[in-house]
């Protein structure tokens, strides 16, 4: 499933990678689609990539994240909001941003 977080949507989509001349490997590719209002506001350009229609888009489940990470729901939600504000500030200042996930 894909997760919509206000500034865009994260998803992992099926893809194919060529590994040898005649061999193709099925993989999952992470992707982030920036929301249209944010693109317009910051005058950003991006590929017109879409999340496939068969992948459901949901809101983050802060209760589940809190249970898995042992942080209170309010702390988890606040961390996400602060991360989004940091990202928006980087866009405003025309800085490059990298998010790394393990």
N, C-alpha and C. Protein backbone atom coordinates (compact mmCIF):
# COMPACT_ATOMS: atom_id res chain seq x y z
N UNK A 1 0.83 -1.19 0.00
CA UNK A 1 0.00 0.00 0.00
C UNK A 1 0.87 1.25 0.00
N UNK A 2 0.32 2.35 -0.42
CA UNK A 2 1.02 3.63 -0.45
C UNK A 2 0.53 4.46 0.74
N UNK A 3 1.39 5.36 1.22
CA UNK A 3 1.04 6.19 2.37
C UNK A 3 1.11 7.66 1.98
N UNK A 4 0.00 8.37 2.15
CA UNK A 4 -0.09 9.79 1.82
C UNK A 4 0.21 10.59 3.08
N UNK A 5 1.19 11.52 3.00
CA UNK A 5 1.59 12.26 4.20
C UNK A 5 1.44 13.77 4.06
N UNK A 6 0.55 14.22 3.20
CA UNK A 6 0.31 15.65 3.09
C UNK A 6 1.13 16.31 2.00
N UNK A 7 2.43 16.12 2.00
CA UNK A 7 3.27 16.73 0.96
C UNK A 7 3.44 15.80 -0.24
N UNK A 8 2.98 14.58 -0.09
CA UNK A 8 3.11 13.62 -1.17
C UNK A 8 2.79 12.22 -0.70
N UNK A 9 3.09 11.26 -1.55
CA UNK A 9 2.76 9.87 -1.28
C UNK A 9 3.97 8.98 -1.48
N UNK A 10 4.24 8.14 -0.47
CA UNK A 10 5.29 7.12 -0.56
C UNK A 10 4.66 5.80 -0.98
N UNK A 11 5.37 5.07 -1.83
CA UNK A 11 4.89 3.75 -2.24
C UNK A 11 6.08 2.88 -2.61
N UNK A 12 5.86 1.60 -2.60
CA UNK A 12 6.81 0.64 -3.13
C UNK A 12 6.08 -0.06 -4.27
N UNK A 13 6.62 0.08 -5.48
CA UNK A 13 5.93 -0.45 -6.65
C UNK A 13 6.74 -1.56 -7.31
N UNK A 14 6.04 -2.50 -7.93
CA UNK A 14 6.75 -3.57 -8.64
C UNK A 14 7.50 -2.99 -9.84
N UNK A 15 8.69 -3.52 -10.10
CA UNK A 15 9.49 -3.09 -11.24
C UNK A 15 10.31 -4.28 -11.73
N UNK A 16 10.95 -4.10 -12.86
CA UNK A 16 11.80 -5.15 -13.43
C UNK A 16 13.18 -4.57 -13.67
N UNK A 17 14.19 -5.37 -13.35
CA UNK A 17 15.57 -4.96 -13.55
C UNK A 17 16.26 -5.99 -14.43
N UNK A 18 16.97 -5.53 -15.44
CA UNK A 18 17.74 -6.43 -16.30
C UNK A 18 19.02 -6.79 -15.57
N UNK A 19 19.26 -8.08 -15.39
CA UNK A 19 20.46 -8.52 -14.68
C UNK A 19 21.48 -9.17 -15.62
N UNK A 20 21.03 -9.70 -16.70
CA UNK A 20 21.89 -10.24 -17.74
C UNK A 20 21.21 -9.98 -19.07
N UNK A 21 21.86 -10.38 -20.14
CA UNK A 21 21.31 -10.10 -21.47
C UNK A 21 19.85 -10.50 -21.62
N UNK A 22 19.50 -11.69 -21.20
CA UNK A 22 18.13 -12.15 -21.42
C UNK A 22 17.38 -12.43 -20.12
N UNK A 23 17.91 -11.95 -18.99
CA UNK A 23 17.27 -12.22 -17.72
C UNK A 23 16.76 -10.94 -17.08
N UNK A 24 15.56 -11.05 -16.54
CA UNK A 24 14.93 -9.91 -15.87
C UNK A 24 14.57 -10.34 -14.46
N UNK A 25 14.85 -9.47 -13.51
CA UNK A 25 14.58 -9.75 -12.10
C UNK A 25 13.43 -8.87 -11.64
N UNK A 26 12.43 -9.47 -11.00
CA UNK A 26 11.33 -8.69 -10.43
C UNK A 26 11.80 -8.10 -9.10
N UNK A 27 11.63 -6.79 -8.95
CA UNK A 27 12.04 -6.09 -7.74
C UNK A 27 10.92 -5.14 -7.31
N UNK A 28 11.09 -4.56 -6.13
CA UNK A 28 10.18 -3.52 -5.66
C UNK A 28 10.98 -2.23 -5.59
N UNK A 29 10.42 -1.16 -6.15
CA UNK A 29 11.12 0.13 -6.21
C UNK A 29 10.39 1.14 -5.35
N UNK A 30 11.10 1.74 -4.39
CA UNK A 30 10.45 2.79 -3.59
C UNK A 30 10.28 4.05 -4.43
N UNK A 31 9.19 4.76 -4.21
CA UNK A 31 8.99 6.00 -4.93
C UNK A 31 8.24 7.00 -4.06
N UNK A 32 8.43 8.27 -4.37
CA UNK A 32 7.73 9.34 -3.68
C UNK A 32 7.16 10.27 -4.74
N UNK A 33 5.87 10.52 -4.64
CA UNK A 33 5.20 11.43 -5.57
C UNK A 33 4.84 12.69 -4.80
N UNK A 34 5.46 13.80 -5.16
CA UNK A 34 5.20 15.08 -4.51
C UNK A 34 3.80 15.55 -4.86
N UNK A 35 3.09 16.13 -3.89
CA UNK A 35 1.73 16.59 -4.13
C UNK A 35 1.71 17.75 -5.13
N UNK A 36 0.66 17.83 -5.93
CA UNK A 36 0.56 18.87 -6.95
C UNK A 36 0.56 20.27 -6.34
N UNK A 37 -0.19 20.53 -5.24
CA UNK A 37 -0.14 21.89 -4.68
C UNK A 37 1.27 22.30 -4.26
N UNK A 38 2.05 21.38 -3.73
CA UNK A 38 3.42 21.70 -3.33
C UNK A 38 4.29 21.99 -4.56
N UNK A 39 4.10 21.21 -5.63
CA UNK A 39 4.85 21.46 -6.86
C UNK A 39 4.55 22.86 -7.39
N UNK A 40 3.27 23.22 -7.39
CA UNK A 40 2.87 24.53 -7.90
C UNK A 40 3.42 25.64 -6.99
N UNK A 41 3.27 25.48 -5.68
CA UNK A 41 3.69 26.50 -4.72
C UNK A 41 5.19 26.81 -4.84
N UNK A 42 6.00 25.75 -4.97
CA UNK A 42 7.45 25.92 -5.06
C UNK A 42 7.97 25.95 -6.50
N UNK A 43 7.05 25.91 -7.46
CA UNK A 43 7.40 25.94 -8.88
C UNK A 43 8.40 24.84 -9.21
N UNK A 44 8.06 23.61 -8.82
CA UNK A 44 8.93 22.46 -9.01
C UNK A 44 8.49 21.65 -10.22
N UNK A 45 9.45 21.01 -10.86
CA UNK A 45 9.15 20.10 -11.96
C UNK A 45 9.51 18.69 -11.53
N UNK A 46 8.74 17.74 -12.00
CA UNK A 46 9.06 16.34 -11.72
C UNK A 46 8.48 15.48 -12.82
N UNK A 47 8.96 14.24 -12.88
CA UNK A 47 8.41 13.29 -13.84
C UNK A 47 6.94 13.08 -13.53
N UNK A 48 6.18 12.75 -14.53
CA UNK A 48 4.76 12.48 -14.32
C UNK A 48 4.55 11.01 -13.97
N UNK A 49 5.31 10.53 -13.02
CA UNK A 49 5.18 9.16 -12.55
C UNK A 49 3.92 9.04 -11.71
N UNK A 50 3.24 7.91 -11.85
CA UNK A 50 2.03 7.68 -11.07
C UNK A 50 2.16 6.38 -10.29
N UNK A 51 1.50 6.35 -9.16
CA UNK A 51 1.38 5.10 -8.41
C UNK A 51 0.29 4.29 -9.09
N UNK A 52 0.55 3.01 -9.37
CA UNK A 52 -0.46 2.20 -10.04
C UNK A 52 -1.79 2.20 -9.28
N UNK A 53 -2.88 2.22 -10.03
CA UNK A 53 -4.22 2.29 -9.44
C UNK A 53 -4.53 1.13 -8.50
N UNK A 54 -3.90 -0.02 -8.71
CA UNK A 54 -4.19 -1.19 -7.85
C UNK A 54 -3.54 -1.10 -6.47
N UNK A 55 -2.69 -0.11 -6.27
CA UNK A 55 -2.05 0.08 -4.96
C UNK A 55 -2.89 1.06 -4.14
N UNK A 56 -3.49 0.59 -3.04
CA UNK A 56 -4.33 1.50 -2.24
C UNK A 56 -3.49 2.56 -1.53
N UNK A 57 -4.04 3.76 -1.43
CA UNK A 57 -3.37 4.88 -0.75
C UNK A 57 -4.06 5.09 0.59
N UNK A 58 -3.28 5.09 1.67
CA UNK A 58 -3.82 5.23 3.02
C UNK A 58 -3.10 6.36 3.76
N UNK A 59 -3.67 6.79 4.85
CA UNK A 59 -3.04 7.76 5.74
C UNK A 59 -2.13 7.00 6.70
N UNK A 60 -1.09 7.64 7.26
CA UNK A 60 -0.24 6.94 8.21
C UNK A 60 -1.03 6.52 9.45
N UNK A 61 -0.76 5.35 9.95
CA UNK A 61 -1.41 4.85 11.16
C UNK A 61 -0.47 5.13 12.34
N UNK A 62 -0.62 6.32 12.94
CA UNK A 62 0.26 6.74 14.02
C UNK A 62 0.16 5.83 15.24
N UNK A 63 -1.01 5.27 15.48
CA UNK A 63 -1.18 4.34 16.61
C UNK A 63 -0.34 3.09 16.41
N UNK A 64 -0.37 2.55 15.20
CA UNK A 64 0.41 1.34 14.91
C UNK A 64 1.91 1.63 14.98
N UNK A 65 2.33 2.77 14.41
CA UNK A 65 3.74 3.14 14.46
C UNK A 65 4.19 3.31 15.91
N UNK A 66 3.35 3.96 16.71
CA UNK A 66 3.67 4.17 18.12
C UNK A 66 3.83 2.83 18.84
N UNK A 67 2.94 1.90 18.56
CA UNK A 67 3.00 0.59 19.21
C UNK A 67 4.29 -0.15 18.83
N UNK A 68 4.68 -0.04 17.56
CA UNK A 68 5.88 -0.75 17.09
C UNK A 68 7.17 -0.09 17.57
N UNK A 69 7.16 1.22 17.77
CA UNK A 69 8.39 1.93 18.15
C UNK A 69 8.46 2.24 19.64
N UNK A 70 7.37 2.00 20.36
CA UNK A 70 7.30 2.24 21.81
C UNK A 70 7.38 3.72 22.17
N UNK A 71 6.95 4.59 21.23
CA UNK A 71 6.80 6.01 21.51
C UNK A 71 5.31 6.31 21.59
N UNK A 72 4.97 7.36 22.32
CA UNK A 72 3.56 7.75 22.39
C UNK A 72 3.09 8.25 21.02
N UNK A 73 1.81 8.06 20.76
CA UNK A 73 1.18 8.48 19.50
C UNK A 73 1.50 9.94 19.19
N UNK A 74 1.40 10.81 20.19
CA UNK A 74 1.63 12.24 20.00
C UNK A 74 3.07 12.53 19.55
N UNK A 75 4.01 11.78 20.10
CA UNK A 75 5.42 11.98 19.73
C UNK A 75 5.66 11.55 18.29
N UNK A 76 5.09 10.43 17.90
CA UNK A 76 5.23 9.94 16.53
C UNK A 76 4.66 10.95 15.55
N UNK A 77 3.45 11.43 15.82
CA UNK A 77 2.80 12.38 14.93
C UNK A 77 3.61 13.69 14.86
N UNK A 78 4.12 14.14 16.00
CA UNK A 78 4.91 15.36 16.04
C UNK A 78 6.21 15.19 15.23
N UNK A 79 6.86 14.05 15.33
CA UNK A 79 8.08 13.79 14.56
C UNK A 79 7.81 13.86 13.06
N UNK A 80 6.71 13.29 12.63
CA UNK A 80 6.36 13.33 11.21
C UNK A 80 6.11 14.77 10.78
N UNK A 81 5.38 15.53 11.58
CA UNK A 81 5.10 16.93 11.25
C UNK A 81 6.39 17.75 11.18
N UNK A 82 7.30 17.54 12.12
CA UNK A 82 8.57 18.27 12.12
C UNK A 82 9.42 17.91 10.90
N UNK A 83 9.40 16.65 10.52
CA UNK A 83 10.14 16.22 9.34
C UNK A 83 9.57 16.89 8.09
N UNK A 84 8.24 16.98 8.00
CA UNK A 84 7.61 17.63 6.86
C UNK A 84 7.94 19.12 6.82
N UNK A 85 7.97 19.76 7.97
CA UNK A 85 8.34 21.18 8.02
C UNK A 85 9.79 21.38 7.59
N UNK A 86 10.67 20.49 8.01
CA UNK A 86 12.08 20.55 7.60
C UNK A 86 12.20 20.39 6.09
N UNK A 87 11.45 19.45 5.54
CA UNK A 87 11.45 19.22 4.10
C UNK A 87 10.94 20.45 3.35
N UNK A 88 9.86 21.03 3.83
CA UNK A 88 9.30 22.23 3.20
C UNK A 88 10.30 23.39 3.26
N UNK A 89 11.01 23.53 4.37
CA UNK A 89 12.02 24.57 4.49
C UNK A 89 13.16 24.37 3.51
N UNK A 90 13.56 23.12 3.31
CA UNK A 90 14.63 22.82 2.35
C UNK A 90 14.17 23.16 0.93
N UNK A 91 12.91 22.84 0.62
CA UNK A 91 12.37 23.21 -0.70
C UNK A 91 12.37 24.72 -0.87
N UNK A 92 11.92 25.42 0.17
CA UNK A 92 11.86 26.88 0.12
C UNK A 92 13.24 27.48 -0.15
N UNK A 93 14.27 26.90 0.49
CA UNK A 93 15.63 27.41 0.37
C UNK A 93 16.41 26.80 -0.80
N UNK A 94 15.70 26.02 -1.62
CA UNK A 94 16.29 25.40 -2.80
C UNK A 94 17.46 24.49 -2.46
N UNK A 95 17.31 23.71 -1.38
CA UNK A 95 18.35 22.77 -0.97
C UNK A 95 17.97 21.36 -1.40
N UNK A 96 18.99 20.56 -1.60
CA UNK A 96 18.75 19.14 -1.90
C UNK A 96 18.44 18.41 -0.60
N UNK A 97 17.54 17.43 -0.69
CA UNK A 97 17.15 16.67 0.49
C UNK A 97 17.24 15.19 0.17
N UNK A 98 17.81 14.44 1.09
CA UNK A 98 17.84 12.98 0.96
C UNK A 98 17.21 12.37 2.20
N UNK A 99 16.32 11.41 1.99
CA UNK A 99 15.76 10.64 3.09
C UNK A 99 16.29 9.22 2.93
N UNK A 100 16.90 8.71 3.96
CA UNK A 100 17.42 7.34 3.94
C UNK A 100 16.61 6.49 4.89
N UNK A 101 16.20 5.32 4.42
CA UNK A 101 15.43 4.39 5.24
C UNK A 101 16.15 3.07 5.28
N UNK A 102 16.18 2.43 6.44
CA UNK A 102 16.82 1.12 6.57
C UNK A 102 15.78 0.05 6.60
